[in-house]
Amino acid sequence: MPQVRSRLLMVLSSKKASDLLTSEGKRKLTDEIIDQLGEPFSGSGKGPAITDVFYTSFVIQQQ
């Protein structure tokens, strides 16, 4: 889990609120998360098969 959390935080921290306001922006974020989590983790030769991302909560804070 720490590796999953780290990868997610790296993807999310690279985004601006304006990138995520549209449906297209959220779709791009989903694709990036799938790509990042689909890569192999330390100690394994093959990454997990990630097919989709489900958001249970989505808060966007603008400054």
PDB file of N, CA and C in Angstrom:
ATOM      1  N   MET A   1       0.793  -1.209   0.000  1.00  0.00           N
ATOM      2  CA  MET A   1       0.000   0.000   0.000  1.00  0.00           C
ATOM      3  C   MET A   1       0.841   1.282   0.000  1.00  0.00           C
ATOM      4  N   PRO A   2       1.972   1.341   0.665  1.00  0.00           N
ATOM      5  CA  PRO A   2       2.742   2.587   0.627  1.00  0.00           C
ATOM      6  C   PRO A   2       3.156   2.982  -0.790  1.00  0.00           C
ATOM      7  N   GLN A   3       3.452   2.010  -1.635  1.00  0.00           N
ATOM      8  CA  GLN A   3       3.845   2.323  -3.010  1.00  0.00           C
ATOM      9  C   GLN A   3       2.657   2.843  -3.808  1.00  0.00           C
ATOM     10  N   VAL A   4       1.491   2.282  -3.577  1.00  0.00           N
ATOM     11  CA  VAL A   4       0.279   2.759  -4.247  1.00  0.00           C
ATOM     12  C   VAL A   4      -0.004   4.198  -3.820  1.00  0.00           C
ATOM     13  N   ARG A   5       0.040   4.450  -2.522  1.00  0.00           N
ATOM     14  CA  ARG A   5      -0.216   5.791  -1.997  1.00  0.00           C
ATOM     15  C   ARG A   5       0.784   6.800  -2.566  1.00  0.00           C
ATOM     16  N   SER A   6       2.043   6.417  -2.610  1.00  0.00           N
ATOM     17  CA  SER A   6       3.076   7.305  -3.137  1.00  0.00           C
ATOM     18  C   SER A   6       2.828   7.649  -4.599  1.00  0.00           C
ATOM     19  N   ARG A   7       2.518   6.658  -5.397  1.00  0.00           N
ATOM     20  CA  ARG A   7       2.255   6.920  -6.820  1.00  0.00           C
ATOM     21  C   ARG A   7       1.039   7.811  -7.004  1.00  0.00           C
ATOM     22  N   LEU A   8      -0.018   7.561  -6.226  1.00  0.00           N
ATOM     23  CA  LEU A   8      -1.214   8.392  -6.331  1.00  0.00           C
ATOM     24  C   LEU A   8      -0.920   9.833  -5.936  1.00  0.00           C
ATOM     25  N   LEU A   9      -0.173  10.016  -4.860  1.00  0.00           N
ATOM     26  CA  LEU A   9       0.156  11.371  -4.431  1.00  0.00           C
ATOM     27  C   LEU A   9       1.003  12.102  -5.454  1.00  0.00           C
ATOM     28  N   MET A  10       1.907  11.406  -6.112  1.00  0.00           N
ATOM     29  CA  MET A  10       2.730  12.046  -7.142  1.00  0.00           C
ATOM     30  C   MET A  10       1.868  12.511  -8.315  1.00  0.00           C
ATOM     31  N   VAL A  11       0.919  11.684  -8.733  1.00  0.00           N
ATOM     32  CA  VAL A  11       0.032  12.069  -9.841  1.00  0.00           C
ATOM     33  C   VAL A  11      -0.855  13.237  -9.415  1.00  0.00           C
ATOM     34  N   LEU A  12      -1.472  13.122  -8.250  1.00  0.00           N
ATOM     35  CA  LEU A  12      -2.400  14.157  -7.802  1.00  0.00           C
ATOM     36  C   LEU A  12      -1.710  15.483  -7.518  1.00  0.00           C
ATOM     37  N   SER A  13      -0.515  15.438  -6.982  1.00  0.00           N
ATOM     38  CA  SER A  13       0.176  16.682  -6.647  1.00  0.00           C
ATOM     39  C   SER A  13       0.669  17.438  -7.874  1.00  0.00           C
ATOM     40  N   SER A  14       0.683  16.770  -9.017  1.00  0.00           N
ATOM     41  CA  SER A  14       1.120  17.440 -10.240  1.00  0.00           C
ATOM     42  C   SER A  14      -0.039  18.151 -10.955  1.00  0.00           C
ATOM     43  N   LYS A  15      -1.234  18.057 -10.397  1.00  0.00           N
ATOM     44  CA  LYS A  15      -2.419  18.635 -11.031  1.00  0.00           C
ATOM     45  C   LYS A  15      -2.799  19.971 -10.431  1.00  0.00           C
ATOM     46  N   LYS A  16      -3.356  20.819 -11.268  1.00  0.00           N
ATOM     47  CA  LYS A  16      -3.937  22.080 -10.822  1.00  0.00           C
ATOM     48  C   LYS A  16      -5.445  21.881 -10.752  1.00  0.00           C
ATOM     49  N   ALA A  17      -6.100  22.668  -9.915  1.00  0.00           N
ATOM     50  CA  ALA A  17      -7.553  22.572  -9.786  1.00  0.00           C
ATOM     51  C   ALA A  17      -8.227  22.762 -11.136  1.00  0.00           C
ATOM     52  N   SER A  18      -7.722  23.684 -11.928  1.00  0.00           N
ATOM     53  CA  SER A  18      -8.330  23.961 -13.238  1.00  0.00           C
ATOM     54  C   SER A  18      -8.230  22.760 -14.178  1.00  0.00           C
ATOM     55  N   ASP A  19      -7.225  21.896 -13.982  1.00  0.00           N
ATOM     56  CA  ASP A  19      -7.091  20.686 -14.810  1.00  0.00           C
ATOM     57  C   ASP A  19      -8.212  19.695 -14.536  1.00  0.00           C
ATOM     58  N   LEU A  20      -8.779  19.749 -13.339  1.00  0.00           N
ATOM     59  CA  LEU A  20      -9.729  18.716 -12.905  1.00  0.00           C
ATOM     60  C   LEU A  20     -11.181  19.172 -12.880  1.00  0.00           C
ATOM     61  N   LEU A  21     -11.444  20.386 -13.294  1.00  0.00           N
ATOM     62  CA  LEU A  21     -12.810  20.901 -13.239  1.00  0.00           C
ATOM     63  C   LEU A  21     -13.723  20.300 -14.297  1.00  0.00           C
ATOM     64  N   THR A  22     -13.164  19.879 -15.408  1.00  0.00           N
ATOM     65  CA  THR A  22     -13.986  19.333 -16.494  1.00  0.00           C
ATOM     66  C   THR A  22     -14.021  17.805 -16.434  1.00  0.00           C
ATOM     67  N   SER A  23     -15.011  17.234 -17.089  1.00  0.00           N
ATOM     68  CA  SER A  23     -15.091  15.772 -17.185  1.00  0.00           C
ATOM     69  C   SER A  23     -13.886  15.214 -17.919  1.00  0.00           C
ATOM     70  N   GLU A  24     -13.440  15.927 -18.950  1.00  0.00           N
ATOM     71  CA  GLU A  24     -12.263  15.490 -19.708  1.00  0.00           C
ATOM     72  C   GLU A  24     -11.022  15.466 -18.813  1.00  0.00           C
ATOM     73  N   GLY A  25     -10.880  16.458 -17.963  1.00  0.00           N
ATOM     74  CA  GLY A  25      -9.757  16.505 -17.038  1.00  0.00           C
ATOM     75  C   GLY A  25      -9.765  15.333 -16.071  1.00  0.00           C
ATOM     76  N   LYS A  26     -10.950  14.974 -15.591  1.00  0.00           N
ATOM     77  CA  LYS A  26     -11.073  13.828 -14.688  1.00  0.00           C
ATOM     78  C   LYS A  26     -10.770  12.530 -15.421  1.00  0.00           C
ATOM     79  N   ARG A  27     -11.180  12.425 -16.679  1.00  0.00           N
ATOM     80  CA  ARG A  27     -10.870  11.228 -17.478  1.00  0.00           C
ATOM     81  C   ARG A  27      -9.362  11.094 -17.686  1.00  0.00           C
ATOM     82  N   LYS A  28      -8.698  12.214 -17.947  1.00  0.00           N
ATOM     83  CA  LYS A  28      -7.240  12.184 -18.118  1.00  0.00           C
ATOM     84  C   LYS A  28      -6.562  11.758 -16.818  1.00  0.00           C
ATOM     85  N   LEU A  29      -7.060  12.255 -15.696  1.00  0.00           N
ATOM     86  CA  LEU A  29      -6.515  11.857 -14.404  1.00  0.00           C
ATOM     87  C   LEU A  29      -6.691  10.354 -14.197  1.00  0.00           C
ATOM     88  N   THR A  30      -7.858   9.841 -14.521  1.00  0.00           N
ATOM     89  CA  THR A  30      -8.110   8.408 -14.402  1.00  0.00           C
ATOM     90  C   THR A  30      -7.116   7.618 -15.241  1.00  0.00           C
ATOM     91  N   ASP A  31      -6.890   8.045 -16.474  1.00  0.00           N
ATOM     92  CA  ASP A  31      -5.935   7.361 -17.350  1.00  0.00           C
ATOM     93  C   ASP A  31      -4.522   7.387 -16.764  1.00  0.00           C
ATOM     94  N   GLU A  32      -4.133   8.527 -16.203  1.00  0.00           N
ATOM     95  CA  GLU A  32      -2.797   8.630 -15.605  1.00  0.00           C
ATOM     96  C   GLU A  32      -2.661   7.717 -14.388  1.00  0.00           C
ATOM     97  N   ILE A  33      -3.707   7.640 -13.580  1.00  0.00           N
ATOM     98  CA  ILE A  33      -3.675   6.763 -12.409  1.00  0.00           C
ATOM     99  C   ILE A  33      -3.562   5.304 -12.846  1.00  0.00           C
ATOM    100  N   ILE A  34      -4.331   4.915 -13.851  1.00  0.00           N
ATOM    101  CA  ILE A  34      -4.268   3.538 -14.362  1.00  0.00           C
ATOM    102  C   ILE A  34      -2.870   3.235 -14.877  1.00  0.00           C
ATOM    103  N   ASP A  35      -2.280   4.169 -15.610  1.00  0.00           N
ATOM    104  CA  ASP A  35      -0.919   3.965 -16.128  1.00  0.00           C
ATOM    105  C   ASP A  35       0.087   3.803 -14.995  1.00  0.00           C
ATOM    106  N   GLN A  36       0.019   4.677 -14.009  1.00  0.00           N
ATOM    107  CA  GLN A  36       0.981   4.642 -12.902  1.00  0.00           C
ATOM    108  C   GLN A  36       0.845   3.386 -12.055  1.00  0.00           C
ATOM    109  N   LEU A  37      -0.389   2.994 -11.749  1.00  0.00           N
ATOM    110  CA  LEU A  37      -0.590   1.828 -10.895  1.00  0.00           C
ATOM    111  C   LEU A  37      -0.431   0.520 -11.656  1.00  0.00           C
ATOM    112  N   GLY A  38      -0.465   0.577 -12.973  1.00  0.00           N
ATOM    113  CA  GLY A  38      -0.289  -0.624 -13.786  1.00  0.00           C
ATOM    114  C   GLY A  38       1.166  -1.015 -13.976  1.00  0.00           C
ATOM    115  N   GLU A  39       2.089  -0.102 -13.601  1.00  0.00           N
ATOM    116  CA  GLU A  39       3.507  -0.415 -13.712  1.00  0.00           C
ATOM    117  C   GLU A  39       3.912  -1.358 -12.582  1.00  0.00           C
ATOM    118  N   PRO A  40       4.926  -2.182 -12.821  1.00  0.00           N
ATOM    119  CA  PRO A  40       5.361  -3.127 -11.777  1.00  0.00           C
ATOM    120  C   PRO A  40       5.814  -2.404 -10.509  1.00  0.00           C
ATOM    121  N   PHE A  41       5.545  -3.035  -9.370  1.00  0.00           N
ATOM    122  CA  PHE A  41       6.006  -2.537  -8.091  1.00  0.00           C
ATOM    123  C   PHE A  41       7.317  -3.220  -7.733  1.00  0.00           C
ATOM    124  N   SER A  42       8.013  -2.674  -6.771  1.00  0.00           N
ATOM    125  CA  SER A  42       9.291  -3.252  -6.338  1.00  0.00           C
ATOM    126  C   SER A  42       9.097  -4.721  -5.969  1.00  0.00           C
ATOM    127  N   GLY A  43       9.993  -5.532  -6.480  1.00  0.00           N
ATOM    128  CA  GLY A  43       9.962  -6.942  -6.126  1.00  0.00           C
ATOM    129  C   GLY A  43       9.026  -7.795  -6.961  1.00  0.00           C
ATOM    130  N   SER A  44       8.348  -7.201  -7.924  1.00  0.00           N
ATOM    131  CA  SER A  44       7.469  -8.002  -8.777  1.00  0.00           C
ATOM    132  C   SER A  44       7.803  -7.707 -10.236  1.00  0.00           C
ATOM    133  N   GLY A  45       7.666  -8.711 -11.056  1.00  0.00           N
ATOM    134  CA  GLY A  45       8.030  -8.557 -12.455  1.00  0.00           C
ATOM    135  C   GLY A  45       6.938  -7.974 -13.323  1.00  0.00           C
ATOM    136  N   LYS A  46       5.714  -8.056 -12.855  1.00  0.00           N
ATOM    137  CA  LYS A  46       4.588  -7.604 -13.668  1.00  0.00           C
ATOM    138  C   LYS A  46       3.673  -6.726 -12.823  1.00  0.00           C
ATOM    139  N   GLY A  47       3.164  -5.672 -13.439  1.00  0.00           N
ATOM    140  CA  GLY A  47       2.249  -4.787 -12.726  1.00  0.00           C
ATOM    141  C   GLY A  47       0.856  -5.372 -12.643  1.00  0.00           C
ATOM    142  N   PRO A  48       0.050  -4.882 -11.704  1.00  0.00           N
ATOM    143  CA  PRO A  48      -1.332  -5.361 -11.579  1.00  0.00           C
ATOM    144  C   PRO A  48      -2.183  -4.913 -12.761  1.00  0.00           C
ATOM    145  N   ALA A  49      -3.232  -5.646 -13.022  1.00  0.00           N
ATOM    146  CA  ALA A  49      -4.154  -5.303 -14.113  1.00  0.00           C
ATOM    147  C   ALA A  49      -5.197  -4.321 -13.583  1.00  0.00           C
ATOM    148  N   ILE A  50      -4.971  -3.039 -13.807  1.00  0.00           N
ATOM    149  CA  ILE A  50      -5.909  -1.993 -13.381  1.00  0.00           C
ATOM    150  C   ILE A  50      -6.775  -1.645 -14.583  1.00  0.00           C
ATOM    151  N   THR A  51      -8.085  -1.735 -14.420  1.00  0.00           N
ATOM    152  CA  THR A  51      -8.974  -1.469 -15.549  1.00  0.00           C
ATOM    153  C   THR A  51      -9.777  -0.182 -15.399  1.00  0.00           C
ATOM    154  N   ASP A  52      -9.956   0.286 -14.152  1.00  0.00           N
ATOM    155  CA  ASP A  52     -10.738   1.495 -13.957  1.00  0.00           C
ATOM    156  C   ASP A  52     -10.433   2.086 -12.586  1.00  0.00           C
ATOM    157  N   VAL A  53     -10.814   3.318 -12.399  1.00  0.00           N
ATOM    158  CA  VAL A  53     -10.644   4.018 -11.138  1.00  0.00           C
ATOM    159  C   VAL A  53     -12.018   4.536 -10.738  1.00  0.00           C
ATOM    160  N   PHE A  54     -12.391   4.305  -9.491  1.00  0.00           N
ATOM    161  CA  PHE A  54     -13.672   4.777  -8.989  1.00  0.00           C
ATOM    162  C   PHE A  54     -13.431   5.809  -7.899  1.00  0.00           C
ATOM    163  N   TYR A  55     -14.013   6.977  -8.052  1.00  0.00           N
ATOM    164  CA  TYR A  55     -13.872   8.044  -7.076  1.00  0.00           C
ATOM    165  C   TYR A  55     -15.056   7.994  -6.118  1.00  0.00           C
ATOM    166  N   THR A  56     -14.778   7.895  -4.831  1.00  0.00           N
ATOM    167  CA  THR A  56     -15.855   7.919  -3.843  1.00  0.00           C
ATOM    168  C   THR A  56     -16.055   9.328  -3.310  1.00  0.00           C
ATOM    169  N   SER A  57     -15.052  10.165  -3.494  1.00  0.00           N
ATOM    170  CA  SER A  57     -15.115  11.546  -3.053  1.00  0.00           C
ATOM    171  C   SER A  57     -14.141  12.341  -3.922  1.00  0.00           C
ATOM    172  N   PHE A  58     -14.532  13.530  -4.296  1.00  0.00           N
ATOM    173  CA  PHE A  58     -13.656  14.335  -5.141  1.00  0.00           C
ATOM    174  C   PHE A  58     -13.807  15.792  -4.719  1.00  0.00           C
ATOM    175  N   VAL A  59     -12.809  16.314  -4.051  1.00  0.00           N
ATOM    176  CA  VAL A  59     -12.824  17.686  -3.572  1.00  0.00           C
ATOM    177  C   VAL A  59     -11.747  18.476  -4.297  1.00  0.00           C
ATOM    178  N   ILE A  60     -12.139  19.575  -4.895  1.00  0.00           N
ATOM    179  CA  ILE A  60     -11.198  20.439  -5.608  1.00  0.00           C
ATOM    180  C   ILE A  60     -11.159  21.777  -4.884  1.00  0.00           C
ATOM    181  N   GLN A  61      -9.965  22.185  -4.505  1.00  0.00           N
ATOM    182  CA  GLN A  61      -9.795  23.447  -3.798  1.00  0.00           C
ATOM    183  C   GLN A  61      -9.032  24.412  -4.683  1.00  0.00           C
ATOM    184  N   GLN A  62      -9.614  25.560  -4.955  1.00  0.00           N
ATOM    185  CA  GLN A  62      -8.956  26.587  -5.754  1.00  0.00           C
ATOM    186  C   GLN A  62      -8.519  27.714  -4.842  1.00  0.00           C
ATOM    187  N   GLN A  63      -7.398  28.324  -5.213  1.00  0.00           N
ATOM    188  CA  GLN A  63      -6.912  29.443  -4.422  1.00  0.00           C
ATOM    189  C   GLN A  63      -7.105  30.734  -5.177  1.00  0.00           C
TER     190      GLN A  63
END
